[in-house]
Amino acid sequence: MYIDRSEIKQEAKKRLRGHIGEGFIIGILPILLVAVSMVIVTIAWQGGSQVDTGVSSTVSSFNLGNGTTVEAIITSVVSGILQVSTSLGFLTWLRQRPANQSPLVRGLTAFQPNYFFGILTIFALSTILYNVPAMVQALNPKGDSLLSIIYIVLLIVMIVIQLGLSQVYYVYLDLKDTHTGGIIDAFRYSWQLMSGFKGQYFILELSFIGWDLLGLLVIPLIWVMPYQRITYAAFYEKVKAYKQILPTAAK
């Protein structure tokens, strides 16, 4: 099956037409709110460290190697979960289910108790998996040719794996909603869904390069980010409808 990119992009544009404000609230406002909250917490934390025993300062600056701090890890995780959350929010908005849910609540879908710990686990496992090539590269400070070849091969393999698992969060949302599976099932179904569609999804991602550059400007970002996320959600809906492998009700 060929998924017409222009068709799903038109679907995304149609959904956004006259609803840019809702798209902003779903996709960008949660990120802004959490970013401001993290800045406030960081300032309070650093301020507190000046009057306490110095424990908070030590923890926040604790180096885990390669310049990575606990604070940097927390920021990365929160940022990653937010990206996932807004993507799921746009999927529910595209479906209009739940029908009367507020845009902000949609944007924070991943933080709902029913989904949060599963999504956090998927995010952690995916992050470890996708960083395997980087781990190999870190073991090769002298530029050994064999390790360099292994690194390149792993990099290519990881691109394929990422494409195969690109739908894992959407799948997990649907599995939880229908009470038909969990984390492992989400990985498995995502891989099965993307069998035969990895190339099309890769081309779809490449088609947004120009939009990504435009999105570096603040004002276009209000349109670009929701447009991309809704398009990806529409791709999932097409593949899901074609494959029809996801269970629809608990056994």
Protein backbone atom coordinates (compact mmCIF):
# COMPACT_ATOMS: atom_id res chain seq x y z
CA MET A 1 0.00 0.00 0.00
CA TYR A 2 1.18 3.50 -0.82
CA ILE A 3 0.26 6.26 1.61
CA ASP A 4 -0.25 9.52 -0.26
CA ARG A 5 1.82 12.13 1.59
CA SER A 6 -0.08 15.00 0.03
CA GLU A 7 -3.36 13.49 1.20
CA ILE A 8 -2.40 13.20 4.86
CA LYS A 9 -0.77 16.62 4.77
CA GLN A 10 -3.97 18.09 3.39
CA GLU A 11 -5.85 16.33 6.18
CA ALA A 12 -3.54 17.98 8.72
CA LYS A 13 -3.97 21.41 7.13
CA LYS A 14 -7.74 20.97 7.10
CA ARG A 15 -7.75 20.09 10.79
CA LEU A 16 -5.67 23.15 11.62
CA ARG A 17 -7.60 25.59 9.43
CA GLY A 18 -9.36 27.99 11.76
CA HIS A 19 -7.99 26.15 14.80
CA ILE A 20 -4.42 27.42 15.09
CA GLY A 21 -5.10 28.48 18.67
CA GLU A 22 -6.07 24.95 19.69
CA GLY A 23 -3.00 23.59 17.92
CA PHE A 24 -0.84 26.03 19.87
CA ILE A 25 -2.38 25.01 23.19
CA ILE A 26 -1.94 21.29 22.46
CA GLY A 27 1.56 21.39 21.02
CA ILE A 28 3.41 24.41 22.35
CA LEU A 29 1.74 25.75 25.50
CA PRO A 30 2.53 22.61 27.62
CA ILE A 31 6.19 22.91 26.65
CA LEU A 32 6.25 26.59 27.56
CA LEU A 33 4.52 25.98 30.90
CA VAL A 34 6.89 23.16 31.86
CA ALA A 35 9.92 25.16 30.69
CA VAL A 36 8.91 28.10 32.89
CA SER A 37 8.24 25.75 35.81
CA MET A 38 11.66 24.13 35.43
CA VAL A 39 13.36 27.53 35.35
CA ILE A 40 11.56 28.52 38.55
CA VAL A 41 12.45 25.23 40.26
CA THR A 42 16.09 25.52 39.15
CA ILE A 43 16.36 29.06 40.50
CA ALA A 44 14.73 28.03 43.77
CA TRP A 45 17.01 24.97 43.99
CA GLN A 46 20.15 26.97 43.38
CA GLY A 47 19.00 29.66 45.76
CA GLY A 48 18.32 27.07 48.44
CA SER A 49 21.77 25.57 47.99
CA GLN A 50 23.30 28.85 49.13
CA VAL A 51 21.67 28.61 52.54
CA ASP A 52 21.61 24.87 53.15
CA THR A 53 24.45 22.40 53.58
CA GLY A 54 25.25 22.41 49.87
CA VAL A 55 23.62 19.05 49.21
CA SER A 56 21.22 20.37 46.55
CA SER A 57 24.05 22.06 44.68
CA THR A 58 26.09 18.88 44.78
CA VAL A 59 23.22 16.74 43.48
CA SER A 60 22.27 19.10 40.65
CA SER A 61 25.85 19.34 39.42
CA PHE A 62 26.76 15.68 39.95
CA ASN A 63 28.62 14.53 36.86
CA LEU A 64 27.73 11.14 35.43
CA GLY A 65 30.51 11.18 32.86
CA ASN A 66 31.03 12.95 29.51
CA GLY A 67 29.85 16.16 31.14
CA THR A 68 26.36 14.79 31.81
CA THR A 69 24.72 16.01 35.01
CA VAL A 70 21.61 14.87 36.85
CA GLU A 71 20.01 18.19 35.98
CA ALA A 72 20.72 17.64 32.28
CA ILE A 73 19.23 14.13 32.40
CA ILE A 74 16.05 15.34 34.11
CA THR A 75 15.69 18.13 31.55
CA SER A 76 16.18 15.68 28.69
CA VAL A 77 13.62 13.22 30.05
CA VAL A 78 10.98 15.88 30.72
CA SER A 79 11.55 17.39 27.28
CA GLY A 80 11.29 13.99 25.61
CA ILE A 81 8.10 13.03 27.43
CA LEU A 82 6.59 16.38 26.53
CA GLN A 83 7.32 15.79 22.84
CA VAL A 84 5.62 12.40 23.11
CA SER A 85 2.72 13.90 25.04
CA THR A 86 1.96 16.58 22.46
CA SER A 87 2.16 13.97 19.67
CA LEU A 88 -0.44 11.86 21.47
CA GLY A 89 -2.51 14.96 22.08
CA PHE A 90 -2.63 15.68 18.36
CA LEU A 91 -3.69 12.09 17.67
CA THR A 92 -6.66 12.46 20.03
CA TRP A 93 -7.46 15.85 18.48
CA LEU A 94 -7.38 14.39 14.98
CA ARG A 95 -9.77 11.67 16.10
CA GLN A 96 -11.83 14.07 18.22
CA ARG A 97 -11.84 11.49 20.99
CA PRO A 98 -12.54 12.31 23.75
CA ALA A 99 -14.83 14.79 22.01
CA ASN A 100 -14.97 17.59 24.56
CA GLN A 101 -11.50 17.35 26.08
CA SER A 102 -9.68 20.66 26.51
CA PRO A 103 -6.64 21.31 24.27
CA LEU A 104 -4.28 21.69 27.25
CA VAL A 105 -5.35 18.34 28.69
CA ARG A 106 -4.78 16.78 25.28
CA GLY A 107 -1.28 18.22 25.21
CA LEU A 108 -0.54 16.62 28.57
CA THR A 109 -1.94 13.19 27.62
CA ALA A 110 1.28 11.34 28.45
CA PHE A 111 1.20 12.64 32.02
CA GLN A 112 -2.15 11.05 32.78
CA PRO A 113 -1.75 8.23 35.34
CA ASN A 114 -3.07 5.60 32.95
CA TYR A 115 -0.24 6.26 30.49
CA PHE A 116 2.64 7.95 32.30
CA PHE A 117 4.70 5.11 33.73
CA GLY A 118 4.38 3.00 30.60
CA ILE A 119 5.41 5.91 28.38
CA LEU A 120 8.29 6.73 30.71
CA THR A 121 9.48 3.11 30.51
CA ILE A 122 9.20 3.07 26.72
CA PHE A 123 11.13 6.35 26.58
CA ALA A 124 13.90 4.99 28.82
CA LEU A 125 14.23 1.72 26.88
CA SER A 126 14.19 3.52 23.53
CA THR A 127 16.79 6.05 24.65
CA ILE A 128 19.16 3.29 25.78
CA LEU A 129 18.62 1.35 22.56
CA TYR A 130 19.07 4.33 20.24
CA ASN A 131 22.28 5.35 22.02
CA VAL A 132 24.05 2.03 21.44
CA PRO A 133 26.06 3.45 18.49
CA ALA A 134 27.14 6.40 20.64
CA MET A 135 28.24 3.99 23.38
CA VAL A 136 30.38 2.10 20.88
CA GLN A 137 31.85 5.36 19.64
CA ALA A 138 32.72 6.32 23.22
CA LEU A 139 34.74 3.11 23.50
CA ASN A 140 36.79 4.15 20.50
CA PRO A 141 38.72 7.30 21.53
CA LYS A 142 41.73 6.28 19.40
CA GLY A 143 39.71 5.81 16.24
CA ASP A 144 40.23 2.07 15.82
CA SER A 145 39.13 1.13 12.28
CA LEU A 146 37.18 -1.99 13.32
CA LEU A 147 35.20 -0.14 15.98
CA SER A 148 34.58 2.67 13.51
CA ILE A 149 33.09 0.21 11.02
CA ILE A 150 30.97 -1.34 13.78
CA TYR A 151 29.78 2.15 14.72
CA ILE A 152 28.72 2.96 11.14
CA VAL A 153 26.91 -0.37 10.77
CA LEU A 154 25.11 0.12 14.10
CA LEU A 155 24.15 3.64 13.07
CA ILE A 156 22.47 2.35 9.91
CA VAL A 157 20.79 -0.50 11.79
CA MET A 158 19.54 1.93 14.42
CA ILE A 159 17.93 4.15 11.80
CA VAL A 160 15.95 1.14 10.58
CA ILE A 161 15.01 0.22 14.16
CA GLN A 162 13.89 3.77 14.92
CA LEU A 163 11.66 3.75 11.85
CA GLY A 164 10.23 0.39 12.89
CA LEU A 165 9.46 1.61 16.39
CA SER A 166 8.29 5.08 15.37
CA GLN A 167 4.65 4.28 16.14
CA VAL A 168 5.26 2.74 19.57
CA TYR A 169 3.71 5.58 21.59
CA TYR A 170 0.58 5.76 19.44
CA VAL A 171 0.22 2.00 19.72
CA TYR A 172 0.69 2.09 23.48
CA LEU A 173 -2.04 4.72 23.80
CA ASP A 174 -4.47 2.54 21.84
CA LEU A 175 -3.55 -0.62 23.73
CA LYS A 176 -4.10 1.07 27.07
CA ASP A 177 -7.40 2.57 25.95
CA THR A 178 -8.69 -0.86 24.88
CA HIS A 179 -6.99 -2.74 27.75
CA THR A 180 -5.41 -5.11 25.24
CA GLY A 181 -1.68 -4.87 25.87
CA GLY A 182 1.28 -3.21 27.46
CA ILE A 183 4.80 -2.03 26.79
CA ILE A 184 6.21 -5.12 25.05
CA ASP A 185 3.07 -5.38 22.92
CA ALA A 186 3.48 -1.75 21.88
CA PHE A 187 7.01 -2.39 20.59
CA ARG A 188 5.89 -5.56 18.81
CA TYR A 189 2.85 -4.04 17.13
CA SER A 190 4.78 -0.93 16.09
CA TRP A 191 7.36 -3.10 14.37
CA GLN A 192 4.63 -5.11 12.63
CA LEU A 193 2.75 -1.99 11.58
CA MET A 194 5.84 -0.45 10.01
CA SER A 195 6.78 -3.56 8.05
CA GLY A 196 6.66 -2.32 4.47
CA PHE A 197 6.18 1.31 5.50
CA LYS A 198 9.60 2.30 6.89
CA GLY A 199 10.72 3.81 3.60
CA GLN A 200 7.53 5.83 3.22
CA TYR A 201 7.79 7.16 6.76
CA PHE A 202 11.45 8.08 6.22
CA ILE A 203 10.55 10.04 3.09
CA LEU A 204 7.70 11.71 4.98
CA GLU A 205 10.16 12.87 7.63
CA LEU A 206 12.56 14.16 4.97
CA SER A 207 9.71 16.11 3.36
CA PHE A 208 9.55 18.28 6.48
CA ILE A 209 13.16 19.48 6.38
CA GLY A 210 12.17 22.79 4.81
CA TRP A 211 9.40 23.22 7.37
CA ASP A 212 11.87 22.43 10.17
CA LEU A 213 14.13 25.24 8.98
CA LEU A 214 11.15 27.59 8.81
CA GLY A 215 10.14 26.47 12.29
CA LEU A 216 13.38 27.90 13.68
CA LEU A 217 11.54 31.22 13.57
CA VAL A 218 9.14 31.63 16.48
CA ILE A 219 5.98 32.69 14.66
CA PRO A 220 6.01 29.95 11.96
CA LEU A 221 6.62 27.39 14.72
CA ILE A 222 3.03 27.95 15.87
CA TRP A 223 1.92 26.44 12.54
CA VAL A 224 4.79 24.09 11.69
CA MET A 225 4.89 21.98 14.84
CA PRO A 226 1.13 21.17 14.95
CA TYR A 227 1.13 20.58 11.17
CA GLN A 228 3.93 18.03 11.45
CA ARG A 229 2.49 16.22 14.46
CA ILE A 230 -0.99 15.92 12.95
CA THR A 231 0.52 14.61 9.70
CA TYR A 232 2.43 11.92 11.60
CA ALA A 233 -0.74 11.02 13.50
CA ALA A 234 -2.63 10.76 10.21
CA PHE A 235 0.10 8.44 8.88
CA TYR A 236 -0.41 6.19 11.90
CA GLU A 237 -4.15 6.11 11.32
CA LYS A 238 -3.64 5.09 7.68
CA VAL A 239 -1.17 2.31 8.53
CA LYS A 240 -3.29 1.09 11.42
CA ALA A 241 -6.42 0.94 9.25
CA TYR A 242 -4.55 -0.89 6.50
CA LYS A 243 -2.83 -3.50 8.68
CA GLN A 244 -5.72 -4.02 11.14
CA ILE A 245 -3.51 -5.98 13.53
CA LEU A 246 -4.18 -4.07 16.74
CA PRO A 247 -6.72 -5.70 19.06
CA THR A 248 -9.83 -3.60 19.50
CA ALA A 249 -11.20 -4.99 22.76
CA ALA A 250 -9.96 -6.89 25.78
CA LYS A 251 -10.28 -10.64 25.46
